[in-house]
PDB file of N, CA and C in Angstrom:
ATOM      1  N   MET A   1     -25.342 -10.290  15.974  1.00  0.00           N
ATOM      2  CA  MET A   1     -24.964  -9.022  15.396  1.00  0.00           C
ATOM      3  C   MET A   1     -25.923  -8.720  14.249  1.00  0.00           C
ATOM      4  N   ASP A   2     -26.544  -7.576  14.276  1.00  0.00           N
ATOM      5  CA  ASP A   2     -27.490  -7.197  13.233  1.00  0.00           C
ATOM      6  C   ASP A   2     -26.857  -6.108  12.373  1.00  0.00           C
ATOM      7  N   VAL A   3     -26.252  -6.549  11.277  1.00  0.00           N
ATOM      8  CA  VAL A   3     -25.595  -5.623  10.357  1.00  0.00           C
ATOM      9  C   VAL A   3     -26.235  -5.835   8.988  1.00  0.00           C
ATOM     10  N   PRO A   4     -27.233  -5.020   8.635  1.00  0.00           N
ATOM     11  CA  PRO A   4     -28.005  -5.258   7.417  1.00  0.00           C
ATOM     12  C   PRO A   4     -27.196  -5.245   6.119  1.00  0.00           C
ATOM     13  N   PHE A   5     -26.066  -4.528   6.075  1.00  0.00           N
ATOM     14  CA  PHE A   5     -25.279  -4.454   4.844  1.00  0.00           C
ATOM     15  C   PHE A   5     -24.382  -5.673   4.648  1.00  0.00           C
ATOM     16  N   CYS A   6     -24.255  -6.530   5.669  1.00  0.00           N
ATOM     17  CA  CYS A   6     -23.375  -7.697   5.567  1.00  0.00           C
ATOM     18  C   CYS A   6     -24.135  -8.864   4.960  1.00  0.00           C
ATOM     19  N   LEU A   7     -23.884  -9.124   3.692  1.00  0.00           N
ATOM     20  CA  LEU A   7     -24.579 -10.203   2.986  1.00  0.00           C
ATOM     21  C   LEU A   7     -24.142 -11.582   3.466  1.00  0.00           C
ATOM     22  N   GLY A   8     -22.994 -11.647   4.100  1.00  0.00           N
ATOM     23  CA  GLY A   8     -22.520 -12.922   4.629  1.00  0.00           C
ATOM     24  C   GLY A   8     -23.434 -13.473   5.705  1.00  0.00           C
ATOM     25  N   LEU A   9     -24.142 -12.612   6.407  1.00  0.00           N
ATOM     26  CA  LEU A   9     -25.059 -13.062   7.449  1.00  0.00           C
ATOM     27  C   LEU A   9     -26.265 -13.789   6.859  1.00  0.00           C
ATOM     28  N   GLU A  10     -26.506 -13.620   5.577  1.00  0.00           N
ATOM     29  CA  GLU A  10     -27.619 -14.298   4.918  1.00  0.00           C
ATOM     30  C   GLU A  10     -27.236 -15.703   4.449  1.00  0.00           C
ATOM     31  N   GLU A  11     -25.951 -16.024   4.509  1.00  0.00           N
ATOM     32  CA  GLU A  11     -25.483 -17.340   4.072  1.00  0.00           C
ATOM     33  C   GLU A  11     -25.910 -18.414   5.074  1.00  0.00           C
ATOM     34  N   ASP A  12     -26.114 -19.627   4.560  1.00  0.00           N
ATOM     35  CA  ASP A  12     -26.515 -20.723   5.436  1.00  0.00           C
ATOM     36  C   ASP A  12     -25.334 -21.610   5.819  1.00  0.00           C
ATOM     37  N   ARG A  13     -24.137 -21.154   5.575  1.00  0.00           N
ATOM     38  CA  ARG A  13     -22.952 -21.933   5.936  1.00  0.00           C
ATOM     39  C   ARG A  13     -22.021 -21.109   6.804  1.00  0.00           C
ATOM     40  N   ILE A  14     -21.166 -21.779   7.509  1.00  0.00           N
ATOM     41  CA  ILE A  14     -20.221 -21.118   8.408  1.00  0.00           C
ATOM     42  C   ILE A  14     -18.816 -21.351   7.870  1.00  0.00           C
ATOM     43  N   LEU A  15     -18.029 -20.273   7.833  1.00  0.00           N
ATOM     44  CA  LEU A  15     -16.639 -20.352   7.382  1.00  0.00           C
ATOM     45  C   LEU A  15     -15.717 -19.881   8.498  1.00  0.00           C
ATOM     46  N   THR A  16     -14.536 -20.450   8.542  1.00  0.00           N
ATOM     47  CA  THR A  16     -13.507 -19.890   9.409  1.00  0.00           C
ATOM     48  C   THR A  16     -12.934 -18.664   8.704  1.00  0.00           C
ATOM     49  N   VAL A  17     -12.188 -17.857   9.417  1.00  0.00           N
ATOM     50  CA  VAL A  17     -11.561 -16.690   8.797  1.00  0.00           C
ATOM     51  C   VAL A  17     -10.611 -17.135   7.691  1.00  0.00           C
ATOM     52  N   ALA A  18      -9.843 -18.187   7.953  1.00  0.00           N
ATOM     53  CA  ALA A  18      -8.897 -18.691   6.947  1.00  0.00           C
ATOM     54  C   ALA A  18      -9.634 -19.147   5.680  1.00  0.00           C
ATOM     55  N   GLU A  19     -10.770 -19.829   5.859  1.00  0.00           N
ATOM     56  CA  GLU A  19     -11.556 -20.278   4.705  1.00  0.00           C
ATOM     57  C   GLU A  19     -12.104 -19.086   3.924  1.00  0.00           C
ATOM     58  N   TRP A  20     -12.569 -18.074   4.650  1.00  0.00           N
ATOM     59  CA  TRP A  20     -13.111 -16.878   3.999  1.00  0.00           C
ATOM     60  C   TRP A  20     -12.025 -16.155   3.214  1.00  0.00           C
ATOM     61  N   ILE A  21     -10.837 -16.023   3.820  1.00  0.00           N
ATOM     62  CA  ILE A  21      -9.708 -15.374   3.141  1.00  0.00           C
ATOM     63  C   ILE A  21      -9.381 -16.118   1.851  1.00  0.00           C
ATOM     64  N   GLU A  22      -9.327 -17.433   1.920  1.00  0.00           N
ATOM     65  CA  GLU A  22      -9.040 -18.248   0.732  1.00  0.00           C
ATOM     66  C   GLU A  22     -10.124 -18.083  -0.332  1.00  0.00           C
ATOM     67  N   GLU A  23     -11.367 -18.172   0.092  1.00  0.00           N
ATOM     68  CA  GLU A  23     -12.489 -18.097  -0.847  1.00  0.00           C
ATOM     69  C   GLU A  23     -12.594 -16.734  -1.520  1.00  0.00           C
ATOM     70  N   GLN A  24     -12.291 -15.681  -0.793  1.00  0.00           N
ATOM     71  CA  GLN A  24     -12.410 -14.330  -1.331  1.00  0.00           C
ATOM     72  C   GLN A  24     -11.185 -13.884  -2.117  1.00  0.00           C
ATOM     73  N   GLY A  25     -10.120 -14.687  -2.106  1.00  0.00           N
ATOM     74  CA  GLY A  25      -8.910 -14.326  -2.824  1.00  0.00           C
ATOM     75  C   GLY A  25      -8.122 -13.216  -2.142  1.00  0.00           C
ATOM     76  N   ILE A  26      -8.256 -13.124  -0.834  1.00  0.00           N
ATOM     77  CA  ILE A  26      -7.606 -12.066  -0.063  1.00  0.00           C
ATOM     78  C   ILE A  26      -6.090 -12.277   0.022  1.00  0.00           C
ATOM     79  N   ALA A  27      -5.659 -13.527  -0.030  1.00  0.00           N
ATOM     80  CA  ALA A  27      -4.235 -13.831   0.157  1.00  0.00           C
ATOM     81  C   ALA A  27      -3.345 -13.058  -0.809  1.00  0.00           C
ATOM     82  N   VAL A  28      -3.762 -12.916  -2.054  1.00  0.00           N
ATOM     83  CA  VAL A  28      -2.940 -12.201  -3.033  1.00  0.00           C
ATOM     84  C   VAL A  28      -2.793 -10.728  -2.636  1.00  0.00           C
ATOM     85  N   TYR A  29      -3.848 -10.142  -2.074  1.00  0.00           N
ATOM     86  CA  TYR A  29      -3.769  -8.749  -1.622  1.00  0.00           C
ATOM     87  C   TYR A  29      -2.856  -8.629  -0.404  1.00  0.00           C
ATOM     88  N   GLN A  30      -2.925  -9.606   0.487  1.00  0.00           N
ATOM     89  CA  GLN A  30      -2.036  -9.599   1.648  1.00  0.00           C
ATOM     90  C   GLN A  30      -0.581  -9.714   1.212  1.00  0.00           C
ATOM     91  N   GLU A  31      -0.347 -10.525   0.191  1.00  0.00           N
ATOM     92  CA  GLU A  31       1.013 -10.690  -0.332  1.00  0.00           C
ATOM     93  C   GLU A  31       1.524  -9.383  -0.940  1.00  0.00           C
ATOM     94  N   MET A  32       0.654  -8.695  -1.693  1.00  0.00           N
ATOM     95  CA  MET A  32       1.058  -7.423  -2.304  1.00  0.00           C
ATOM     96  C   MET A  32       1.246  -6.336  -1.242  1.00  0.00           C
ATOM     97  N   GLU A  33       0.474  -6.408  -0.170  1.00  0.00           N
ATOM     98  CA  GLU A  33       0.539  -5.390   0.872  1.00  0.00           C
ATOM     99  C   GLU A  33       1.749  -5.549   1.790  1.00  0.00           C
ATOM    100  N   ALA A  34       2.315  -6.738   1.868  1.00  0.00           N
ATOM    101  CA  ALA A  34       3.407  -7.021   2.805  1.00  0.00           C
ATOM    102  C   ALA A  34       4.589  -6.058   2.668  1.00  0.00           C
ATOM    103  N   PRO A  35       5.118  -5.812   1.447  1.00  0.00           N
ATOM    104  CA  PRO A  35       6.241  -4.867   1.340  1.00  0.00           C
ATOM    105  C   PRO A  35       5.856  -3.450   1.797  1.00  0.00           C
ATOM    106  N   PHE A  36       4.642  -3.026   1.471  1.00  0.00           N
ATOM    107  CA  PHE A  36       4.168  -1.704   1.885  1.00  0.00           C
ATOM    108  C   PHE A  36       4.082  -1.638   3.415  1.00  0.00           C
ATOM    109  N   LYS A  37       3.638  -2.713   4.002  1.00  0.00           N
ATOM    110  CA  LYS A  37       3.503  -2.760   5.460  1.00  0.00           C
ATOM    111  C   LYS A  37       4.869  -2.640   6.144  1.00  0.00           C
ATOM    112  N   THR A  38       5.915  -3.233   5.543  1.00  0.00           N
ATOM    113  CA  THR A  38       7.247  -3.122   6.146  1.00  0.00           C
ATOM    114  C   THR A  38       7.741  -1.677   6.138  1.00  0.00           C
ATOM    115  N   ILE A  39       7.308  -0.915   5.134  1.00  0.00           N
ATOM    116  CA  ILE A  39       7.693   0.500   5.069  1.00  0.00           C
ATOM    117  C   ILE A  39       6.911   1.316   6.094  1.00  0.00           C
ATOM    118  N   THR A  40       5.601   1.145   6.095  1.00  0.00           N
ATOM    119  CA  THR A  40       4.757   1.986   6.955  1.00  0.00           C
ATOM    120  C   THR A  40       4.853   1.622   8.427  1.00  0.00           C
ATOM    121  N   THR A  41       5.356   0.434   8.742  1.00  0.00           N
ATOM    122  CA  THR A  41       5.535   0.072  10.152  1.00  0.00           C
ATOM    123  C   THR A  41       7.006   0.127  10.560  1.00  0.00           C
ATOM    124  N   ASN A  42       7.809   0.780   9.739  1.00  0.00           N
ATOM    125  CA  ASN A  42       9.231   0.929  10.025  1.00  0.00           C
ATOM    126  C   ASN A  42       9.426   1.605  11.380  1.00  0.00           C
ATOM    127  N   GLU A  43      10.348   1.081  12.157  1.00  0.00           N
ATOM    128  CA  GLU A  43      10.586   1.589  13.513  1.00  0.00           C
ATOM    129  C   GLU A  43      10.923   3.084  13.521  1.00  0.00           C
ATOM    130  N   PHE A  44      11.722   3.531  12.561  1.00  0.00           N
ATOM    131  CA  PHE A  44      12.079   4.947  12.504  1.00  0.00           C
ATOM    132  C   PHE A  44      10.837   5.811  12.332  1.00  0.00           C
ATOM    133  N   LEU A  45       9.956   5.397  11.416  1.00  0.00           N
ATOM    134  CA  LEU A  45       8.749   6.188  11.165  1.00  0.00           C
ATOM    135  C   LEU A  45       7.807   6.187  12.357  1.00  0.00           C
ATOM    136  N   SER A  46       7.754   5.080  13.077  1.00  0.00           N
ATOM    137  CA  SER A  46       6.841   5.020  14.215  1.00  0.00           C
ATOM    138  C   SER A  46       7.383   5.763  15.430  1.00  0.00           C
ATOM    139  N   GLN A  47       8.696   5.954  15.508  1.00  0.00           N
ATOM    140  CA  GLN A  47       9.294   6.616  16.664  1.00  0.00           C
ATOM    141  C   GLN A  47       9.580   8.095  16.434  1.00  0.00           C
ATOM    142  N   ASN A  48       9.574   8.535  15.189  1.00  0.00           N
ATOM    143  CA  ASN A  48       9.906   9.921  14.880  1.00  0.00           C
ATOM    144  C   ASN A  48       8.770  10.580  14.117  1.00  0.00           C
ATOM    145  N   LYS A  49       8.363  11.709  14.605  1.00  0.00           N
ATOM    146  CA  LYS A  49       7.310  12.442  13.908  1.00  0.00           C
ATOM    147  C   LYS A  49       7.950  13.303  12.823  1.00  0.00           C
ATOM    148  N   ILE A  50       7.505  13.118  11.602  1.00  0.00           N
ATOM    149  CA  ILE A  50       8.026  13.910  10.488  1.00  0.00           C
ATOM    150  C   ILE A  50       7.159  15.159  10.382  1.00  0.00           C
ATOM    151  N   THR A  51       7.771  16.297  10.650  1.00  0.00           N
ATOM    152  CA  THR A  51       7.024  17.552  10.668  1.00  0.00           C
ATOM    153  C   THR A  51       7.190  18.359   9.388  1.00  0.00           C
ATOM    154  N   ASN A  52       8.162  17.979   8.562  1.00  0.00           N
ATOM    155  CA  ASN A  52       8.394  18.675   7.306  1.00  0.00           C
ATOM    156  C   ASN A  52       7.237  18.393   6.358  1.00  0.00           C
ATOM    157  N   LYS A  53       6.458  19.401   6.022  1.00  0.00           N
ATOM    158  CA  LYS A  53       5.263  19.240   5.190  1.00  0.00           C
ATOM    159  C   LYS A  53       5.602  18.676   3.809  1.00  0.00           C
ATOM    160  N   LYS A  54       6.722  19.078   3.241  1.00  0.00           N
ATOM    161  CA  LYS A  54       7.112  18.592   1.905  1.00  0.00           C
ATOM    162  C   LYS A  54       7.371  17.082   1.949  1.00  0.00           C
ATOM    163  N   ILE A  55       8.062  16.634   2.986  1.00  0.00           N
ATOM    164  CA  ILE A  55       8.327  15.198   3.125  1.00  0.00           C
ATOM    165  C   ILE A  55       7.017  14.441   3.343  1.00  0.00           C
ATOM    166  N   GLN A  56       6.113  15.000   4.137  1.00  0.00           N
ATOM    167  CA  GLN A  56       4.807  14.377   4.352  1.00  0.00           C
ATOM    168  C   GLN A  56       4.048  14.245   3.028  1.00  0.00           C
ATOM    169  N   GLU A  57       4.064  15.299   2.224  1.00  0.00           N
ATOM    170  CA  GLU A  57       3.363  15.291   0.934  1.00  0.00           C
ATOM    171  C   GLU A  57       3.961  14.251  -0.016  1.00  0.00           C
ATOM    172  N   ILE A  58       5.287  14.181  -0.052  1.00  0.00           N
ATOM    173  CA  ILE A  58       5.948  13.215  -0.931  1.00  0.00           C
ATOM    174  C   ILE A  58       5.648  11.791  -0.469  1.00  0.00           C
ATOM    175  N   PHE A  59       5.693  11.554   0.833  1.00  0.00           N
ATOM    176  CA  PHE A  59       5.383  10.227   1.369  1.00  0.00           C
ATOM    177  C   PHE A  59       3.962   9.826   0.982  1.00  0.00           C
ATOM    178  N   TYR A  60       3.018  10.737   1.135  1.00  0.00           N
ATOM    179  CA  TYR A  60       1.635  10.468   0.765  1.00  0.00           C
ATOM    180  C   TYR A  60       1.527  10.170  -0.740  1.00  0.00           C
ATOM    181  N   MET A  61       2.192  10.980  -1.549  1.00  0.00           N
ATOM    182  CA  MET A  61       2.146  10.783  -2.996  1.00  0.00           C
ATOM    183  C   MET A  61       2.693   9.402  -3.362  1.00  0.00           C
ATOM    184  N   VAL A  62       3.837   9.035  -2.809  1.00  0.00           N
ATOM    185  CA  VAL A  62       4.466   7.754  -3.117  1.00  0.00           C
ATOM    186  C   VAL A  62       3.559   6.590  -2.717  1.00  0.00           C
ATOM    187  N   CYS A  63       2.880   6.735  -1.586  1.00  0.00           N
ATOM    188  CA  CYS A  63       2.043   5.639  -1.080  1.00  0.00           C
ATOM    189  C   CYS A  63       0.679   5.552  -1.755  1.00  0.00           C
ATOM    190  N   PHE A  64       0.091   6.695  -2.081  1.00  0.00           N
ATOM    191  CA  PHE A  64      -1.320   6.687  -2.459  1.00  0.00           C
ATOM    192  C   PHE A  64      -1.666   7.332  -3.801  1.00  0.00           C
ATOM    193  N   ASP A  65      -0.710   7.945  -4.465  1.00  0.00           N
ATOM    194  CA  ASP A  65      -1.012   8.587  -5.744  1.00  0.00           C
ATOM    195  C   ASP A  65       0.059   8.193  -6.752  1.00  0.00           C
ATOM    196  N   LEU A  66      -0.014   6.943  -7.191  1.00  0.00           N
ATOM    197  CA  LEU A  66       1.045   6.396  -8.043  1.00  0.00           C
ATOM    198  C   LEU A  66       1.149   7.067  -9.398  1.00  0.00           C
ATOM    199  N   ASP A  67       0.036   7.533  -9.947  1.00  0.00           N
ATOM    200  CA  ASP A  67       0.104   8.241 -11.229  1.00  0.00           C
ATOM    201  C   ASP A  67       0.907   9.529 -11.090  1.00  0.00           C
ATOM    202  N   ARG A  68       0.644  10.262 -10.035  1.00  0.00           N
ATOM    203  CA  ARG A  68       1.382  11.506  -9.791  1.00  0.00           C
ATOM    204  C   ARG A  68       2.848  11.213  -9.479  1.00  0.00           C
ATOM    205  N   PHE A  69       3.104  10.142  -8.716  1.00  0.00           N
ATOM    206  CA  PHE A  69       4.481   9.766  -8.397  1.00  0.00           C
ATOM    207  C   PHE A  69       5.241   9.403  -9.666  1.00  0.00           C
ATOM    208  N   ARG A  70       4.592   8.661 -10.567  1.00  0.00           N
ATOM    209  CA  ARG A  70       5.236   8.288 -11.835  1.00  0.00           C
ATOM    210  C   ARG A  70       5.618   9.542 -12.616  1.00  0.00           C
ATOM    211  N   ARG A  71       4.684  10.498 -12.707  1.00  0.00           N
ATOM    212  CA  ARG A  71       4.986  11.757 -13.418  1.00  0.00           C
ATOM    213  C   ARG A  71       6.133  12.493 -12.725  1.00  0.00           C
ATOM    214  N   PHE A  72       6.112  12.522 -11.408  1.00  0.00           N
ATOM    215  CA  PHE A  72       7.161  13.188 -10.636  1.00  0.00           C
ATOM    216  C   PHE A  72       8.527  12.592 -10.964  1.00  0.00           C
ATOM    217  N   VAL A  73       8.608  11.268 -10.987  1.00  0.00           N
ATOM    218  CA  VAL A  73       9.895  10.603 -11.263  1.00  0.00           C
ATOM    219  C   VAL A  73      10.334  10.837 -12.704  1.00  0.00           C
ATOM    220  N   MET A  74       9.430  10.674 -13.646  1.00  0.00           N
ATOM    221  CA  MET A  74       9.788  10.721 -15.058  1.00  0.00           C
ATOM    222  C   MET A  74       9.954  12.124 -15.616  1.00  0.00           C
ATOM    223  N   GLU A  75       9.262  13.100 -15.037  1.00  0.00           N
ATOM    224  CA  GLU A  75       9.272  14.446 -15.611  1.00  0.00           C
ATOM    225  C   GLU A  75      10.062  15.461 -14.791  1.00  0.00           C
ATOM    226  N   SER A  76      10.716  15.008 -13.750  1.00  0.00           N
ATOM    227  CA  SER A  76      11.513  15.929 -12.937  1.00  0.00           C
ATOM    228  C   SER A  76      12.986  15.537 -13.048  1.00  0.00           C
ATOM    229  N   THR A  77      13.802  16.090 -12.193  1.00  0.00           N
ATOM    230  CA  THR A  77      15.229  15.755 -12.183  1.00  0.00           C
ATOM    231  C   THR A  77      15.519  14.565 -11.269  1.00  0.00           C
ATOM    232  N   PHE A  78      14.488  13.880 -10.829  1.00  0.00           N
ATOM    233  CA  PHE A  78      14.630  12.757  -9.898  1.00  0.00           C
ATOM    234  C   PHE A  78      15.657  11.736 -10.385  1.00  0.00           C
ATOM    235  N   LEU A  79      15.513  11.289 -11.627  1.00  0.00           N
ATOM    236  CA  LEU A  79      16.404  10.243 -12.156  1.00  0.00           C
ATOM    237  C   LEU A  79      17.826  10.738 -12.374  1.00  0.00           C
ATOM    238  N   GLU A  80      18.003  12.056 -12.466  1.00  0.00           N
ATOM    239  CA  GLU A  80      19.348  12.618 -12.571  1.00  0.00           C
ATOM    240  C   GLU A  80      20.006  12.693 -11.194  1.00  0.00           C
ATOM    241  N   ARG A  81      19.219  12.877 -10.176  1.00  0.00           N
ATOM    242  CA  ARG A  81      19.740  13.054  -8.817  1.00  0.00           C
ATOM    243  C   ARG A  81      20.012  11.731  -8.098  1.00  0.00           C
ATOM    244  N   PHE A  82      19.283  10.686  -8.472  1.00  0.00           N
ATOM    245  CA  PHE A  82      19.414   9.400  -7.786  1.00  0.00           C
ATOM    246  C   PHE A  82      19.798   8.321  -8.779  1.00  0.00           C
ATOM    247  N   GLU A  83      20.617   7.391  -8.311  1.00  0.00           N
ATOM    248  CA  GLU A  83      21.020   6.274  -9.157  1.00  0.00           C
ATOM    249  C   GLU A  83      19.889   5.248  -9.182  1.00  0.00           C
ATOM    250  N   VAL A  84      19.216   5.183 -10.298  1.00  0.00           N
ATOM    251  CA  VAL A  84      18.137   4.215 -10.487  1.00  0.00           C
ATOM    252  C   VAL A  84      18.435   3.476 -11.772  1.00  0.00           C
ATOM    253  N   GLY A  85      18.592   2.164 -11.658  1.00  0.00           N
ATOM    254  CA  GLY A  85      18.932   1.350 -12.824  1.00  0.00           C
ATOM    255  C   GLY A  85      17.820   1.341 -13.856  1.00  0.00           C
ATOM    256  N   PRO A  86      18.173   1.093 -15.107  1.00  0.00           N
ATOM    257  CA  PRO A  86      17.173   1.100 -16.183  1.00  0.00           C
ATOM    258  C   PRO A  86      16.052   0.081 -15.977  1.00  0.00           C
ATOM    259  N   GLU A  87      16.374  -1.060 -15.364  1.00  0.00           N
ATOM    260  CA  GLU A  87      15.332  -2.063 -15.108  1.00  0.00           C
ATOM    261  C   GLU A  87      14.298  -1.539 -14.121  1.00  0.00           C
ATOM    262  N   ALA A  88      14.761  -0.843 -13.093  1.00  0.00           N
ATOM    263  CA  ALA A  88      13.833  -0.267 -12.111  1.00  0.00           C
ATOM    264  C   ALA A  88      12.998   0.827 -12.749  1.00  0.00           C
ATOM    265  N   VAL A  89      13.617   1.630 -13.600  1.00  0.00           N
ATOM    266  CA  VAL A  89      12.872   2.707 -14.295  1.00  0.00           C
ATOM    267  C   VAL A  89      11.789   2.085 -15.178  1.00  0.00           C
ATOM    268  N   GLU A  90      12.138   1.034 -15.890  1.00  0.00           N
ATOM    269  CA  GLU A  90      11.174   0.366 -16.767  1.00  0.00           C
ATOM    270  C   GLU A  90       9.992  -0.192 -15.978  1.00  0.00           C
ATOM    271  N   LYS A  91      10.293  -0.787 -14.815  1.00  0.00           N
ATOM    272  CA  LYS A  91       9.210  -1.330 -13.979  1.00  0.00           C
ATOM    273  C   LYS A  91       8.300  -0.212 -13.537  1.00  0.00           C
TER     274      LYS A  91
END
């Protein structure tokens, strides 16, 4: 495989995928991604197409724009409408 941007091809050693994951510190990212993956691979979401644009926008914001989501929660009526404990709000 000739991939000029892959610096790993210039290495003189061979690693297994597991060794590479360990060496690169990928495991911590996989651990953080696991809860997100359970949401995005939820059976309901995979079987039902959400056509409501507002729900699509909110889902995108929650997943990918955390600063905007934080402002949305803290500066809107969100916390008045939903029961969210003080510990969760603090987090």
